[in-house]
Amino acid sequence: MQTGQNRILDELAKLMTDAAGAAQGVRREVEQAFRAQAERVLNSMDVVQREEFEAVKDMAAKARAENERLSARIDALEADGKAKPAAAKAKPASGTKRSAKK
């Protein structure tokens, strides 16, 4: 009788293992179906993909850095331009006259 119980337990264990494998297969299929449906919904909503978002985000950061660099350069040129006219005004006051062009 001992072998009969072991055989029943072995069959039960095999059945449980097969059921667990089938459950995992069903789980994978449900996940795939859910992902496919979610992707369809997101595509219909014109939601941007993460890769595209990251690319645009990087481009915006580079543009912002370039804008700040150019703004600093403009400020420096304007400051330099304001200093030069003051120096140019000081030269004619030293006694030399400029001839006016007509």
C-alpha atoms as a PDB file:
ATOM      1  CA  MET A   1       0.000   0.000   0.000  1.00  0.00           C
ATOM      2  CA  GLN A   2       2.968   2.229   0.553  1.00  0.00           C
ATOM      3  CA  THR A   3       3.750   2.316  -3.161  1.00  0.00           C
ATOM      4  CA  GLY A   4       0.150   3.165  -3.983  1.00  0.00           C
ATOM      5  CA  GLN A   5       0.231   6.281  -1.814  1.00  0.00           C
ATOM      6  CA  ASN A   6       3.601   7.315  -3.233  1.00  0.00           C
ATOM      7  CA  ARG A   7       2.266   6.875  -6.726  1.00  0.00           C
ATOM      8  CA  ILE A   8      -0.777   9.014  -5.927  1.00  0.00           C
ATOM      9  CA  LEU A   9       1.427  11.678  -4.355  1.00  0.00           C
ATOM     10  CA  ASP A  10       3.772  11.588  -7.356  1.00  0.00           C
ATOM     11  CA  GLU A  11       0.845  12.001  -9.733  1.00  0.00           C
ATOM     12  CA  LEU A  12      -0.530  14.825  -7.595  1.00  0.00           C
ATOM     13  CA  ALA A  13       2.887  16.550  -7.565  1.00  0.00           C
ATOM     14  CA  LYS A  14       3.139  16.179 -11.343  1.00  0.00           C
ATOM     15  CA  LEU A  15      -0.357  17.592 -11.752  1.00  0.00           C
ATOM     16  CA  MET A  16       0.496  20.572  -9.520  1.00  0.00           C
ATOM     17  CA  THR A  17       3.730  21.209 -11.448  1.00  0.00           C
ATOM     18  CA  ASP A  18       1.856  21.132 -14.748  1.00  0.00           C
ATOM     19  CA  ALA A  19      -0.803  23.465 -13.338  1.00  0.00           C
ATOM     20  CA  ALA A  20       1.865  25.910 -12.154  1.00  0.00           C
ATOM     21  CA  GLY A  21       3.490  25.866 -15.589  1.00  0.00           C
ATOM     22  CA  ALA A  22       0.135  26.460 -17.253  1.00  0.00           C
ATOM     23  CA  ALA A  23      -0.600  29.317 -14.845  1.00  0.00           C
ATOM     24  CA  GLN A  24       2.725  30.962 -15.719  1.00  0.00           C
ATOM     25  CA  GLY A  25       1.940  30.607 -19.418  1.00  0.00           C
ATOM     26  CA  VAL A  26      -1.469  32.193 -18.897  1.00  0.00           C
ATOM     27  CA  ARG A  27       0.137  34.976 -16.877  1.00  0.00           C
ATOM     28  CA  ARG A  28       2.607  35.724 -19.707  1.00  0.00           C
ATOM     29  CA  GLU A  29      -0.203  35.771 -22.261  1.00  0.00           C
ATOM     30  CA  VAL A  30      -2.284  38.138 -20.113  1.00  0.00           C
ATOM     31  CA  GLU A  31       0.717  40.453 -19.655  1.00  0.00           C
ATOM     32  CA  GLN A  32       1.396  40.499 -23.391  1.00  0.00           C
ATOM     33  CA  ALA A  33      -2.246  41.205 -24.171  1.00  0.00           C
ATOM     34  CA  PHE A  34      -2.345  43.981 -21.570  1.00  0.00           C
ATOM     35  CA  ARG A  35       0.848  45.575 -22.914  1.00  0.00           C
ATOM     36  CA  ALA A  36      -0.439  45.414 -26.483  1.00  0.00           C
ATOM     37  CA  GLN A  37      -3.736  47.022 -25.466  1.00  0.00           C
ATOM     38  CA  ALA A  38      -1.969  49.701 -23.405  1.00  0.00           C
ATOM     39  CA  GLU A  39       0.339  50.465 -26.340  1.00  0.00           C
ATOM     40  CA  ARG A  40      -2.664  50.815 -28.668  1.00  0.00           C
ATOM     41  CA  VAL A  41      -4.353  53.201 -26.235  1.00  0.00           C
ATOM     42  CA  LEU A  42      -1.206  55.295 -25.792  1.00  0.00           C
ATOM     43  CA  ASN A  43      -0.609  55.437 -29.556  1.00  0.00           C
ATOM     44  CA  SER A  44      -4.160  56.636 -30.114  1.00  0.00           C
ATOM     45  CA  MET A  45      -3.593  59.395 -27.539  1.00  0.00           C
ATOM     46  CA  ASP A  46      -0.446  60.651 -29.341  1.00  0.00           C
ATOM     47  CA  VAL A  47       1.656  60.080 -26.236  1.00  0.00           C
ATOM     48  CA  VAL A  48       5.347  60.473 -26.969  1.00  0.00           C
ATOM     49  CA  GLN A  49       7.675  57.557 -26.330  1.00  0.00           C
ATOM     50  CA  ARG A  50      10.321  57.830 -23.631  1.00  0.00           C
ATOM     51  CA  GLU A  51      13.199  57.700 -26.131  1.00  0.00           C
ATOM     52  CA  GLU A  52      11.756  60.604 -28.105  1.00  0.00           C
ATOM     53  CA  PHE A  53      11.112  62.571 -24.925  1.00  0.00           C
ATOM     54  CA  GLU A  54      14.677  62.039 -23.691  1.00  0.00           C
ATOM     55  CA  ALA A  55      16.090  63.098 -27.082  1.00  0.00           C
ATOM     56  CA  VAL A  56      14.058  66.318 -27.116  1.00  0.00           C
ATOM     57  CA  LYS A  57      14.931  66.959 -23.471  1.00  0.00           C
ATOM     58  CA  ASP A  58      18.653  66.676 -24.294  1.00  0.00           C
ATOM     59  CA  MET A  59      18.237  68.991 -27.295  1.00  0.00           C
ATOM     60  CA  ALA A  60      16.457  71.564 -25.120  1.00  0.00           C
ATOM     61  CA  ALA A  61      19.214  71.421 -22.491  1.00  0.00           C
ATOM     62  CA  LYS A  62      21.879  71.950 -25.169  1.00  0.00           C
ATOM     63  CA  ALA A  63      19.915  74.845 -26.673  1.00  0.00           C
ATOM     64  CA  ARG A  64      19.499  76.414 -23.234  1.00  0.00           C
ATOM     65  CA  ALA A  65      23.235  76.143 -22.551  1.00  0.00           C
ATOM     66  CA  GLU A  66      24.030  77.661 -25.959  1.00  0.00           C
ATOM     67  CA  ASN A  67      21.545  80.462 -25.306  1.00  0.00           C
ATOM     68  CA  GLU A  68      23.163  81.249 -21.953  1.00  0.00           C
ATOM     69  CA  ARG A  69      26.641  81.183 -23.541  1.00  0.00           C
ATOM     70  CA  LEU A  70      25.565  83.546 -26.321  1.00  0.00           C
ATOM     71  CA  SER A  71      23.792  85.830 -23.842  1.00  0.00           C
ATOM     72  CA  ALA A  72      26.979  86.109 -21.793  1.00  0.00           C
ATOM     73  CA  ARG A  73      28.946  86.845 -24.965  1.00  0.00           C
ATOM     74  CA  ILE A  74      26.473  89.580 -25.960  1.00  0.00           C
ATOM     75  CA  ASP A  75      26.691  91.098 -22.479  1.00  0.00           C
ATOM     76  CA  ALA A  76      30.489  91.102 -22.701  1.00  0.00           C
ATOM     77  CA  LEU A  77      30.433  92.712 -26.154  1.00  0.00           C
ATOM     78  CA  GLU A  78      27.951  95.345 -24.999  1.00  0.00           C
ATOM     79  CA  ALA A  79      30.092  96.117 -21.962  1.00  0.00           C
ATOM     80  CA  ASP A  80      33.155  96.350 -24.215  1.00  0.00           C
ATOM     81  CA  GLY A  81      31.234  98.580 -26.649  1.00  0.00           C
ATOM     82  CA  LYS A  82      30.199 100.957 -23.865  1.00  0.00           C
ATOM     83  CA  ALA A  83      33.792 101.272 -22.657  1.00  0.00           C
ATOM     84  CA  LYS A  84      35.201 102.110 -26.119  1.00  0.00           C
ATOM     85  CA  PRO A  85      33.042 105.193 -26.862  1.00  0.00           C
ATOM     86  CA  ALA A  86      34.131 106.706 -23.555  1.00  0.00           C
ATOM     87  CA  ALA A  87      37.777 106.174 -24.525  1.00  0.00           C
ATOM     88  CA  ALA A  88      37.114 107.544 -28.021  1.00  0.00           C
ATOM     89  CA  LYS A  89      35.595 110.708 -26.559  1.00  0.00           C
ATOM     90  CA  ALA A  90      38.666 111.224 -24.432  1.00  0.00           C
ATOM     91  CA  LYS A  91      41.035 111.262 -27.442  1.00  0.00           C
ATOM     92  CA  PRO A  92      39.557 114.309 -29.299  1.00  0.00           C
ATOM     93  CA  ALA A  93      39.584 116.253 -26.052  1.00  0.00           C
ATOM     94  CA  SER A  94      43.373 115.987 -25.964  1.00  0.00           C
ATOM     95  CA  GLY A  95      43.706 118.896 -28.378  1.00  0.00           C
ATOM     96  CA  THR A  96      43.570 117.340 -31.835  1.00  0.00           C
ATOM     97  CA  LYS A  97      40.631 118.233 -33.977  1.00  0.00           C
ATOM     98  CA  ARG A  98      38.974 115.884 -36.359  1.00  0.00           C
ATOM     99  CA  SER A  99      38.099 117.153 -39.770  1.00  0.00           C
ATOM    100  CA  ALA A 100      34.440 116.798 -40.596  1.00  0.00           C
ATOM    101  CA  LYS A 101      33.692 114.917 -43.798  1.00  0.00           C
ATOM    102  CA  LYS A 102      31.106 116.402 -46.102  1.00  0.00           C
END
